[in-house]
N, C-alpha and C. Protein backbone atom coordinates (compact mmCIF):
# COMPACT_ATOMS: atom_id res chain seq x y z
N UNK A 1 -8.03 12.32 -74.38
CA UNK A 1 -6.72 11.99 -73.98
C UNK A 1 -7.64 11.29 -72.61
N UNK A 2 -8.32 11.68 -71.96
CA UNK A 2 -8.72 11.30 -70.50
C UNK A 2 -9.70 9.61 -70.79
N UNK A 3 -10.62 9.71 -72.26
CA UNK A 3 -10.91 8.42 -72.26
C UNK A 3 -9.93 7.41 -72.87
N UNK A 4 -8.41 7.70 -73.03
CA UNK A 4 -7.96 7.31 -73.50
C UNK A 4 -6.82 7.01 -72.18
N UNK A 5 -6.93 7.27 -71.20
CA UNK A 5 -6.38 6.86 -69.80
C UNK A 5 -5.27 7.71 -68.98
N UNK A 6 -5.74 9.61 -69.57
CA UNK A 6 -4.50 10.23 -69.64
C UNK A 6 -5.16 10.55 -67.88
N UNK A 7 -3.86 10.82 -66.71
CA UNK A 7 -4.28 11.19 -65.43
C UNK A 7 -4.53 12.64 -65.56
N UNK A 8 -5.82 12.37 -65.47
CA UNK A 8 -6.64 13.85 -64.80
C UNK A 8 -6.03 14.43 -63.36
N UNK A 9 -5.01 14.00 -63.01
CA UNK A 9 -3.94 14.54 -61.50
C UNK A 9 -2.59 15.57 -62.02
N UNK A 10 -2.61 14.65 -63.62
CA UNK A 10 -0.92 14.84 -63.55
C UNK A 10 -0.39 16.48 -63.79
N UNK A 11 0.08 16.91 -63.59
CA UNK A 11 0.78 17.99 -63.43
C UNK A 11 2.32 18.39 -64.25
N UNK A 12 2.40 20.12 -64.34
CA UNK A 12 3.37 20.48 -65.36
C UNK A 12 4.58 20.77 -64.42
N UNK A 13 5.58 21.16 -64.74
CA UNK A 13 7.02 21.44 -63.29
C UNK A 13 6.71 22.18 -62.66
N UNK A 14 5.41 23.35 -63.14
CA UNK A 14 5.20 23.98 -61.82
C UNK A 14 4.00 23.92 -60.93
N UNK A 15 3.78 22.70 -61.01
CA UNK A 15 2.59 21.98 -60.34
C UNK A 15 1.20 22.29 -60.84
N UNK A 16 0.78 23.28 -61.93
CA UNK A 16 -0.63 23.02 -62.48
C UNK A 16 -0.91 22.00 -63.74
N UNK A 17 -2.06 21.61 -63.05
CA UNK A 17 -2.65 20.20 -63.30
C UNK A 17 -3.66 21.38 -64.82
N UNK A 18 -4.20 19.63 -65.50
CA UNK A 18 -5.16 19.83 -67.02
C UNK A 18 -6.31 21.29 -66.22
N UNK A 19 -6.90 20.60 -65.47
CA UNK A 19 -7.71 22.20 -65.11
C UNK A 19 -7.41 23.36 -64.86
N UNK A 20 -6.70 23.30 -64.15
CA UNK A 20 -5.93 24.94 -64.45
C UNK A 20 -5.71 25.21 -65.50
N UNK A 21 -5.19 24.61 -66.31
CA UNK A 21 -4.80 25.06 -67.85
C UNK A 21 -5.96 25.29 -68.73
N UNK A 22 -7.28 24.52 -68.27
CA UNK A 22 -8.49 24.10 -68.97
C UNK A 22 -8.94 25.71 -68.67
N UNK A 23 -8.94 25.96 -67.48
CA UNK A 23 -9.72 27.48 -66.53
C UNK A 23 -8.84 28.81 -66.98
N UNK A 24 -7.55 28.49 -66.75
CA UNK A 24 -6.78 29.64 -67.48
C UNK A 24 -7.10 29.88 -68.90
N UNK A 25 -7.37 29.25 -69.60
CA UNK A 25 -7.63 29.20 -70.68
C UNK A 25 -9.28 29.47 -70.94
N UNK A 26 -10.34 28.76 -70.38
CA UNK A 26 -11.52 29.29 -70.64
C UNK A 26 -12.31 28.21 -71.14
N UNK A 27 -12.11 26.99 -70.98
CA UNK A 27 -12.36 26.33 -71.58
C UNK A 27 -13.46 24.81 -71.00
N UNK A 28 -14.87 25.56 -70.64
CA UNK A 28 -15.19 24.97 -69.67
C UNK A 28 -16.13 23.79 -70.61
N UNK A 29 -15.78 23.43 -71.39
CA UNK A 29 -15.86 21.40 -71.93
C UNK A 29 -14.93 20.77 -71.27
N UNK A 30 -13.95 21.92 -71.12
CA UNK A 30 -12.51 20.74 -70.59
C UNK A 30 -12.63 20.70 -69.47
N UNK A 31 -13.29 21.83 -68.27
CA UNK A 31 -12.97 21.44 -66.93
C UNK A 31 -14.13 20.83 -66.35
N UNK A 32 -14.96 20.58 -67.50
CA UNK A 32 -16.11 20.21 -67.08
C UNK A 32 -15.96 18.30 -67.15
N UNK A 33 -15.22 17.81 -68.31
CA UNK A 33 -14.68 16.81 -68.85
C UNK A 33 -13.63 16.21 -67.57
N UNK A 34 -12.75 17.28 -67.13
CA UNK A 34 -11.44 16.91 -66.31
C UNK A 34 -12.13 16.42 -64.94
N UNK A 35 -13.12 17.35 -64.57
CA UNK A 35 -13.92 17.13 -63.28
C UNK A 35 -14.61 15.89 -62.79
N UNK A 36 -15.60 15.67 -64.54
CA UNK A 36 -15.64 14.08 -64.47
C UNK A 36 -15.08 12.64 -63.85
N UNK A 37 -13.58 13.26 -64.25
CA UNK A 37 -13.21 12.36 -64.42
C UNK A 37 -12.09 12.70 -62.89
N UNK A 38 -12.57 12.92 -62.12
CA UNK A 38 -12.18 13.41 -60.72
C UNK A 38 -10.41 13.90 -60.57
N UNK A 39 -10.50 15.05 -61.74
CA UNK A 39 -9.08 15.79 -61.70
C UNK A 39 -9.34 16.87 -60.33
N UNK A 40 -8.43 17.16 -59.39
CA UNK A 40 -8.24 17.60 -58.43
C UNK A 40 -8.52 19.06 -58.16
N UNK A 41 -9.92 19.26 -57.77
CA UNK A 41 -10.64 20.90 -57.98
C UNK A 41 -9.71 21.95 -57.36
N UNK A 42 -9.63 21.20 -55.96
CA UNK A 42 -8.50 22.28 -55.28
C UNK A 42 -6.73 22.35 -55.55
N UNK A 43 -6.30 21.54 -56.67
CA UNK A 43 -5.06 21.23 -56.71
C UNK A 43 -4.34 22.86 -56.65
N UNK A 44 -3.41 22.81 -55.94
CA UNK A 44 -2.91 24.25 -56.40
C UNK A 44 -1.54 24.04 -57.52
N UNK A 45 -0.78 25.12 -57.97
CA UNK A 45 0.16 25.44 -58.33
C UNK A 45 1.08 25.65 -57.85
N UNK A 46 2.80 25.76 -57.85
CA UNK A 46 4.22 26.11 -56.99
C UNK A 46 3.66 27.49 -56.77
N UNK A 47 2.55 28.57 -57.05
CA UNK A 47 2.23 29.66 -56.37
C UNK A 47 0.75 29.58 -55.43
N UNK A 48 0.39 28.61 -55.87
CA UNK A 48 -0.58 28.63 -55.22
C UNK A 48 -1.99 28.87 -55.20
N UNK A 49 -2.02 29.31 -56.65
CA UNK A 49 -3.00 29.49 -57.66
C UNK A 49 -4.09 27.99 -57.86
N UNK A 50 -5.00 28.42 -58.18
CA UNK A 50 -6.19 26.97 -58.06
C UNK A 50 -6.77 27.60 -59.34
N UNK A 51 -7.17 26.19 -59.59
CA UNK A 51 -8.07 26.39 -60.67
C UNK A 51 -9.27 28.20 -61.01
N UNK A 52 -9.93 27.58 -59.47
CA UNK A 52 -10.99 29.01 -60.01
C UNK A 52 -10.40 30.20 -59.80
N UNK A 53 -9.09 30.63 -58.89
CA UNK A 53 -8.17 31.68 -59.47
C UNK A 53 -8.07 32.35 -61.09
N UNK A 54 -7.34 31.23 -61.34
CA UNK A 54 -7.27 31.22 -62.67
C UNK A 54 -8.37 31.43 -63.61
N UNK A 55 -9.60 31.22 -63.61
CA UNK A 55 -10.26 31.23 -64.42
C UNK A 55 -11.21 32.69 -63.78
N UNK A 56 -11.27 33.12 -62.69
CA UNK A 56 -11.52 34.64 -62.14
C UNK A 56 -10.28 35.67 -62.42
N UNK A 57 -9.17 34.89 -62.54
CA UNK A 57 -8.02 36.62 -62.84
C UNK A 57 -8.43 36.51 -64.88
N UNK A 58 -8.80 35.34 -65.51
CA UNK A 58 -9.17 35.44 -66.50
C UNK A 58 -10.73 36.00 -67.49
N UNK A 59 -11.42 36.22 -66.02
CA UNK A 59 -12.98 36.30 -66.89
C UNK A 59 -13.57 35.21 -67.28
N UNK A 60 -13.27 34.61 -67.31
CA UNK A 60 -13.92 33.40 -67.83
C UNK A 60 -14.95 32.81 -66.93
N UNK A 61 -16.31 33.42 -66.79
CA UNK A 61 -17.69 33.69 -65.98
C UNK A 61 -17.75 32.16 -65.93
N UNK A 62 -18.31 31.27 -67.34
CA UNK A 62 -18.89 29.86 -67.38
C UNK A 62 -17.83 28.79 -66.63
N UNK A 63 -16.79 29.24 -66.54
CA UNK A 63 -16.02 28.13 -65.90
C UNK A 63 -15.93 28.35 -64.29
N UNK A 64 -16.06 30.10 -63.87
CA UNK A 64 -16.29 30.24 -62.46
C UNK A 64 -17.25 29.09 -62.28
N UNK A 65 -18.17 29.77 -63.01
CA UNK A 65 -19.50 29.04 -62.61
C UNK A 65 -19.18 27.79 -62.07
N UNK A 66 -19.09 27.23 -63.44
CA UNK A 66 -19.01 25.70 -63.23
C UNK A 66 -17.71 25.58 -61.89
N UNK A 67 -16.68 25.27 -61.69
CA UNK A 67 -15.37 25.52 -60.40
C UNK A 67 -16.54 25.74 -59.06
N UNK A 68 -17.54 26.44 -59.19
CA UNK A 68 -18.20 26.97 -57.96
C UNK A 68 -19.41 26.10 -57.77
N UNK A 69 -20.17 25.42 -58.56
CA UNK A 69 -20.84 24.88 -58.70
C UNK A 69 -20.43 23.07 -57.94
N UNK A 70 -19.07 23.10 -58.30
CA UNK A 70 -18.61 21.60 -58.40
C UNK A 70 -17.90 21.87 -56.81
N UNK A 71 -17.84 23.01 -55.99
CA UNK A 71 -17.55 23.18 -54.54
C UNK A 71 -15.82 23.92 -54.49
N UNK A 72 -15.67 24.37 -55.57
CA UNK A 72 -14.56 25.40 -55.38
C UNK A 72 -14.03 26.04 -54.37
N UNK A 73 -13.39 26.18 -53.23
CA UNK A 73 -12.93 27.01 -52.07
C UNK A 73 -12.75 28.81 -52.46
N UNK A 74 -14.25 29.27 -52.13
CA UNK A 74 -14.01 30.80 -52.94
C UNK A 74 -12.89 31.52 -52.05
N UNK A 75 -12.91 31.62 -51.00
CA UNK A 75 -11.67 32.57 -50.58
C UNK A 75 -10.31 32.17 -50.03
N UNK A 76 -9.87 30.20 -50.80
CA UNK A 76 -8.56 30.28 -51.11
C UNK A 76 -7.52 31.44 -51.45
N UNK A 77 -6.57 31.55 -51.19
CA UNK A 77 -5.31 32.26 -51.11
C UNK A 77 -4.10 31.58 -51.65
N UNK A 78 -3.43 32.18 -52.51
CA UNK A 78 -2.10 31.89 -53.15
C UNK A 78 -0.83 32.47 -52.28
N UNK A 79 -0.01 32.43 -52.63
CA UNK A 79 1.20 32.63 -51.39
C UNK A 79 1.24 33.98 -51.44
N UNK A 80 0.98 34.93 -52.05
CA UNK A 80 0.44 36.55 -52.14
C UNK A 80 -0.78 36.88 -51.51
N UNK A 81 -1.29 35.71 -51.33
CA UNK A 81 -2.79 36.37 -50.46
C UNK A 81 -3.90 36.77 -50.97
N UNK A 82 -3.57 36.85 -52.49
CA UNK A 82 -4.44 36.56 -53.66
C UNK A 82 -6.19 35.47 -54.17
N UNK A 83 -6.95 35.98 -53.30
CA UNK A 83 -7.59 35.03 -53.59
C UNK A 83 -8.79 35.36 -54.90
N UNK A 84 -9.39 34.22 -54.97
CA UNK A 84 -10.31 34.45 -56.60
C UNK A 84 -10.75 36.03 -56.95
N UNK A 85 -11.44 36.47 -55.90
CA UNK A 85 -12.07 37.73 -56.12
C UNK A 85 -10.95 38.86 -56.42
N UNK A 86 -10.01 38.64 -55.15
CA UNK A 86 -9.01 40.15 -55.28
C UNK A 86 -8.17 39.92 -56.74
N UNK A 87 -7.99 38.92 -57.09
CA UNK A 87 -7.31 38.79 -58.59
C UNK A 87 -8.56 39.23 -59.77
N UNK A 88 -9.96 39.22 -59.35
CA UNK A 88 -10.68 39.31 -60.39
C UNK A 88 -10.39 40.98 -60.64
N UNK A 89 -10.92 41.15 -59.34
CA UNK A 89 -10.59 42.90 -58.62
C UNK A 89 -9.20 43.54 -59.45
N UNK A 90 -8.10 43.05 -58.79
CA UNK A 90 -6.92 43.27 -58.93
C UNK A 90 -6.34 43.65 -60.92
N UNK A 91 -6.98 42.50 -61.51
CA UNK A 91 -6.65 42.60 -62.91
C UNK A 91 -8.00 43.11 -64.28
N UNK A 92 -9.00 43.36 -63.83
CA UNK A 92 -9.48 43.73 -64.44
C UNK A 92 -9.34 45.18 -64.76
N UNK A 93 -9.90 45.35 -65.78
CA UNK A 93 -9.96 47.36 -66.37
C UNK A 93 -11.21 47.77 -66.53
N UNK A 94 -11.20 49.11 -67.03
CA UNK A 94 -12.76 49.76 -67.23
C UNK A 94 -13.48 49.11 -68.46
N UNK A 95 -14.31 49.45 -69.00
CA UNK A 95 -14.44 49.18 -70.01
C UNK A 95 -14.36 50.46 -71.32
N UNK A 96 -14.07 49.82 -72.21
CA UNK A 96 -13.88 51.15 -73.17
C UNK A 96 -14.83 51.60 -73.81
N UNK A 97 -15.01 52.94 -73.14
CA UNK A 97 -16.52 53.65 -74.02
C UNK A 97 -15.81 54.53 -75.06
N UNK A 98 -16.60 54.36 -76.16
CA UNK A 98 -16.42 55.86 -76.97
C UNK A 98 -17.37 56.65 -77.10
N UNK A 99 -17.34 57.63 -78.04
CA UNK A 99 -18.03 58.79 -77.76
C UNK A 99 -19.26 58.56 -78.43
N UNK A 100 -20.66 58.81 -77.81
CA UNK A 100 -21.73 59.17 -78.03
C UNK A 100 -22.33 57.46 -77.38
N UNK A 101 -21.74 56.95 -76.52
CA UNK A 101 -22.14 55.56 -76.24
C UNK A 101 -21.67 55.25 -75.04
N UNK A 102 -22.62 54.12 -74.51
CA UNK A 102 -22.67 53.54 -73.06
C UNK A 102 -21.23 52.83 -73.00
N UNK A 103 -20.58 52.59 -72.43
CA UNK A 103 -19.82 51.30 -72.30
C UNK A 103 -20.37 50.13 -71.59
N UNK A 104 -19.73 49.19 -72.23
CA UNK A 104 -20.03 47.97 -72.29
C UNK A 104 -19.56 47.23 -70.71
N UNK A 105 -20.12 46.43 -69.82
CA UNK A 105 -20.11 45.98 -68.99
C UNK A 105 -18.48 45.77 -68.86
N UNK A 106 -17.59 45.17 -68.08
CA UNK A 106 -16.33 45.27 -67.40
C UNK A 106 -16.46 43.59 -67.64
N UNK A 107 -15.61 43.46 -68.24
CA UNK A 107 -15.54 41.40 -68.69
C UNK A 107 -15.33 40.90 -67.26
N UNK A 108 -14.92 41.31 -66.03
CA UNK A 108 -14.65 40.69 -64.87
C UNK A 108 -16.11 40.84 -63.75
N UNK A 109 -17.57 41.82 -64.50
CA UNK A 109 -18.46 42.05 -63.59
C UNK A 109 -18.86 40.86 -62.67
N UNK A 110 -19.52 39.58 -64.18
CA UNK A 110 -19.99 39.20 -63.92
C UNK A 110 -19.60 38.20 -62.83
N UNK A 111 -18.19 37.89 -63.09
CA UNK A 111 -17.00 37.20 -62.23
C UNK A 111 -17.20 37.66 -61.02
N UNK A 112 -17.50 38.83 -60.62
CA UNK A 112 -17.11 39.22 -59.39
C UNK A 112 -18.35 38.89 -58.05
N UNK A 113 -19.68 38.99 -59.39
CA UNK A 113 -21.02 38.78 -59.18
C UNK A 113 -21.03 37.58 -58.65
N UNK A 114 -20.50 36.72 -59.51
CA UNK A 114 -20.49 34.86 -59.59
C UNK A 114 -20.14 34.87 -57.81
N UNK A 115 -19.12 34.93 -57.59
CA UNK A 115 -18.05 35.37 -56.47
C UNK A 115 -18.52 35.79 -55.16
N UNK A 116 -19.60 36.80 -55.52
CA UNK A 116 -19.86 37.61 -54.15
C UNK A 116 -21.02 35.85 -53.66
N UNK A 117 -21.51 35.96 -54.86
CA UNK A 117 -22.82 35.25 -54.56
C UNK A 117 -22.29 33.53 -53.93
N UNK A 118 -21.27 33.23 -54.37
CA UNK A 118 -20.70 32.14 -53.83
C UNK A 118 -19.93 32.16 -52.32
N UNK A 119 -20.12 33.53 -51.93
CA UNK A 119 -19.46 33.38 -50.08
C UNK A 119 -18.43 34.40 -50.16
N UNK A 120 -18.13 34.48 -51.70
CA UNK A 120 -16.65 35.49 -51.16
C UNK A 120 -16.23 36.70 -50.28
N UNK A 121 -15.89 36.71 -49.66
CA UNK A 121 -15.55 37.98 -48.72
C UNK A 121 -14.59 38.64 -48.99
N UNK A 122 -15.79 40.39 -49.23
CA UNK A 122 -15.15 41.23 -50.12
C UNK A 122 -14.16 41.81 -49.12
N UNK A 123 -13.84 41.72 -48.15
CA UNK A 123 -12.77 42.34 -46.88
C UNK A 123 -12.02 41.97 -46.77
N UNK A 124 -11.76 40.65 -47.80
CA UNK A 124 -10.13 40.22 -47.54
C UNK A 124 -9.42 40.90 -48.18
N UNK A 125 -7.96 41.08 -47.63
CA UNK A 125 -6.83 41.62 -47.69
C UNK A 125 -5.65 41.22 -48.10
N UNK A 126 -5.10 41.45 -48.90
CA UNK A 126 -3.94 40.47 -49.50
C UNK A 126 -2.66 40.43 -48.95
N UNK A 127 -1.54 40.05 -49.43
CA UNK A 127 -0.31 40.24 -48.93
C UNK A 127 0.20 41.33 -48.57
N UNK A 128 0.05 42.69 -49.10
CA UNK A 128 0.05 43.94 -48.98
C UNK A 128 -1.12 44.67 -48.57
N UNK A 129 -2.10 44.16 -48.07
CA UNK A 129 -2.66 44.91 -47.47
C UNK A 129 -4.25 45.43 -48.35
N UNK A 130 -4.34 45.03 -49.68
CA UNK A 130 -5.59 45.61 -50.36
C UNK A 130 -6.50 45.24 -50.52
N UNK A 131 -7.28 45.29 -50.38
CA UNK A 131 -9.03 44.69 -50.48
C UNK A 131 -9.41 45.06 -52.33
N UNK A 132 -10.46 43.55 -52.63
CA UNK A 132 -11.37 43.46 -53.22
C UNK A 132 -11.51 45.30 -53.59
N UNK A 133 -12.11 46.14 -52.92
CA UNK A 133 -12.57 47.53 -52.82
C UNK A 133 -11.61 47.90 -53.70
N UNK A 134 -10.66 47.96 -52.92
CA UNK A 134 -9.25 48.74 -53.23
C UNK A 134 -8.93 48.82 -54.39
N UNK A 135 -8.54 47.35 -54.73
CA UNK A 135 -8.37 47.38 -56.09
C UNK A 135 -9.38 47.80 -57.77
N UNK A 136 -10.77 47.60 -57.38
CA UNK A 136 -11.55 48.13 -58.04
C UNK A 136 -11.60 49.53 -58.13
N UNK A 137 -12.17 50.46 -56.63
CA UNK A 137 -11.68 51.74 -56.99
C UNK A 137 -10.63 52.36 -57.42
N UNK A 138 -9.42 52.10 -57.23
CA UNK A 138 -8.31 52.14 -58.13
C UNK A 138 -8.33 52.69 -59.54
N UNK A 139 -8.70 51.36 -59.89
CA UNK A 139 -8.93 51.32 -61.10
C UNK A 139 -10.48 51.88 -61.93
N UNK A 140 -10.66 52.27 -61.00
CA UNK A 140 -11.87 53.17 -61.75
C UNK A 140 -13.20 52.38 -62.32
N UNK A 141 -13.80 50.95 -61.51
CA UNK A 141 -14.68 49.85 -61.60
C UNK A 141 -15.62 50.20 -61.27
N UNK A 142 -16.68 50.91 -61.91
CA UNK A 142 -17.84 51.71 -60.82
C UNK A 142 -18.63 50.66 -60.79
N UNK A 143 -19.07 49.71 -61.65
CA UNK A 143 -20.12 48.11 -61.52
C UNK A 143 -19.39 47.44 -60.44
N UNK A 144 -18.03 46.89 -60.26
CA UNK A 144 -17.38 46.56 -59.25
C UNK A 144 -17.38 46.76 -58.14
N UNK A 145 -17.59 48.36 -57.93
CA UNK A 145 -17.39 48.68 -57.01
C UNK A 145 -18.63 48.86 -55.88
N UNK A 146 -19.99 48.94 -56.69
CA UNK A 146 -21.44 49.25 -56.34
C UNK A 146 -21.19 47.20 -56.30
N UNK A 147 -20.99 46.38 -56.74
CA UNK A 147 -21.48 45.07 -56.67
C UNK A 147 -20.73 44.77 -54.64
N UNK A 148 -19.33 45.33 -54.46
CA UNK A 148 -18.45 45.00 -53.28
C UNK A 148 -19.44 45.92 -52.19
N UNK A 149 -19.66 46.94 -52.74
CA UNK A 149 -20.36 47.65 -51.38
C UNK A 149 -21.83 47.24 -51.25
N UNK A 150 -22.37 47.02 -51.89
CA UNK A 150 -23.78 45.88 -51.53
C UNK A 150 -23.71 44.90 -51.06
N UNK A 151 -22.27 44.18 -50.91
CA UNK A 151 -22.14 42.83 -49.94
C UNK A 151 -21.18 43.19 -48.53
N UNK A 152 -20.95 44.41 -48.48
CA UNK A 152 -20.31 45.26 -46.94
C UNK A 152 -19.27 45.08 -46.96
N UNK A 153 -18.15 45.75 -48.47
CA UNK A 153 -17.37 45.34 -48.51
C UNK A 153 -16.98 47.19 -47.33
N UNK A 154 -15.69 47.06 -46.57
CA UNK A 154 -15.17 47.85 -45.72
C UNK A 154 -14.34 48.78 -46.33
N UNK A 155 -15.11 50.47 -46.53
CA UNK A 155 -14.50 51.25 -47.60
C UNK A 155 -13.67 52.11 -46.11
N UNK A 156 -13.31 51.51 -45.02
CA UNK A 156 -12.26 51.77 -44.06
C UNK A 156 -11.04 51.20 -43.89
N UNK A 157 -11.19 50.11 -44.44
CA UNK A 157 -9.64 49.53 -44.31
C UNK A 157 -8.48 50.24 -45.22
N UNK A 158 -7.18 49.86 -45.02
CA UNK A 158 -5.73 50.49 -45.11
C UNK A 158 -4.96 49.50 -45.76
N UNK A 159 -4.64 49.90 -46.79
CA UNK A 159 -2.92 48.89 -47.12
C UNK A 159 -2.03 49.09 -46.08
N UNK A 160 -1.36 48.42 -46.07
CA UNK A 160 0.31 48.34 -45.47
C UNK A 160 0.75 49.74 -46.46
N UNK A 161 0.21 50.71 -46.99
CA UNK A 161 1.44 51.85 -46.76
C UNK A 161 0.15 52.83 -46.49
N UNK A 162 -0.81 52.71 -45.86
CA UNK A 162 -2.24 53.59 -45.21
C UNK A 162 -2.75 53.82 -46.34
N UNK A 163 -3.03 53.39 -47.36
CA UNK A 163 -4.03 54.02 -48.62
C UNK A 163 -5.05 52.78 -48.49
N UNK A 164 -6.22 53.62 -48.88
CA UNK A 164 -7.51 53.03 -48.96
C UNK A 164 -8.63 53.20 -49.69
N UNK A 165 -9.87 52.31 -50.38
CA UNK A 165 -10.04 52.91 -51.41
C UNK A 165 -10.18 53.90 -51.79
N UNK A 166 -10.78 55.17 -50.80
CA UNK A 166 -11.49 56.31 -51.33
C UNK A 166 -9.95 56.84 -51.53
N UNK A 167 -8.55 56.91 -50.83
CA UNK A 167 -7.43 57.25 -51.66
C UNK A 167 -6.85 56.70 -52.67
N UNK A 168 -7.24 56.05 -53.18
CA UNK A 168 -7.16 55.38 -54.41
C UNK A 168 -7.86 55.81 -55.41
N UNK A 169 -8.89 55.49 -55.34
CA UNK A 169 -9.67 56.73 -56.17
C UNK A 169 -9.74 57.51 -56.49
N UNK A 170 -9.40 58.94 -55.59
CA UNK A 170 -8.91 59.84 -55.76
C UNK A 170 -7.79 60.13 -56.63
N UNK A 171 -6.57 59.09 -56.26
CA UNK A 171 -6.00 59.48 -57.23
C UNK A 171 -5.97 59.30 -58.46
N UNK A 172 -6.68 58.54 -59.02
CA UNK A 172 -7.31 58.68 -60.48
C UNK A 172 -7.84 59.64 -60.82
N UNK A 173 -7.95 59.91 -62.00
CA UNK A 173 -8.08 61.28 -63.08
C UNK A 173 -9.68 61.25 -62.92
N UNK A 174 -10.29 60.34 -63.17
CA UNK A 174 -11.79 59.77 -63.03
C UNK A 174 -11.89 59.84 -61.62
N UNK A 175 -12.30 60.92 -61.03
CA UNK A 175 -12.99 60.61 -59.29
C UNK A 175 -14.49 60.38 -59.49
N UNK A 176 -14.99 59.83 -60.12
CA UNK A 176 -16.60 59.82 -60.25
C UNK A 176 -16.83 58.61 -59.73
N UNK A 177 -15.69 57.47 -58.62
CA UNK A 177 -16.26 56.72 -58.66
C UNK A 177 -16.28 56.87 -56.84
């Protein structure tokens, strides 16, 4: 469609462009083709979400890597204050572990590592005051907690309800985080 003249800047009724849809679906080849045709890298939808945020939320490491290499702003925030890093940590789930086996890494581990390598701040807080560390600790994401702490995440930050990473981790049944 791009070769036939489709506009890579066109948006749907919610302000999402083709690059956002490619990122949301994890379609790296489509995202690369759109960027080559000058699709806006930082185009945000009506809620302020960018392609990088959507790819991070979906744990699409290849697309995240492509967008960061193209210059995507890693600490841009949507209307709720979520950055790509916050979204990746907020939606990540601990890996499933069966009896007698070790768990696979969480799908978001690589995305979080890429975002931190690109300069994402581990201490940004969203609209309710939650940080990436708070989300990761509260979900029992040990690998991500380690990545964040290794990059200077502040365990003393509190959200608007007075909760911090430690209290959120303690509220879990599995308190080994």
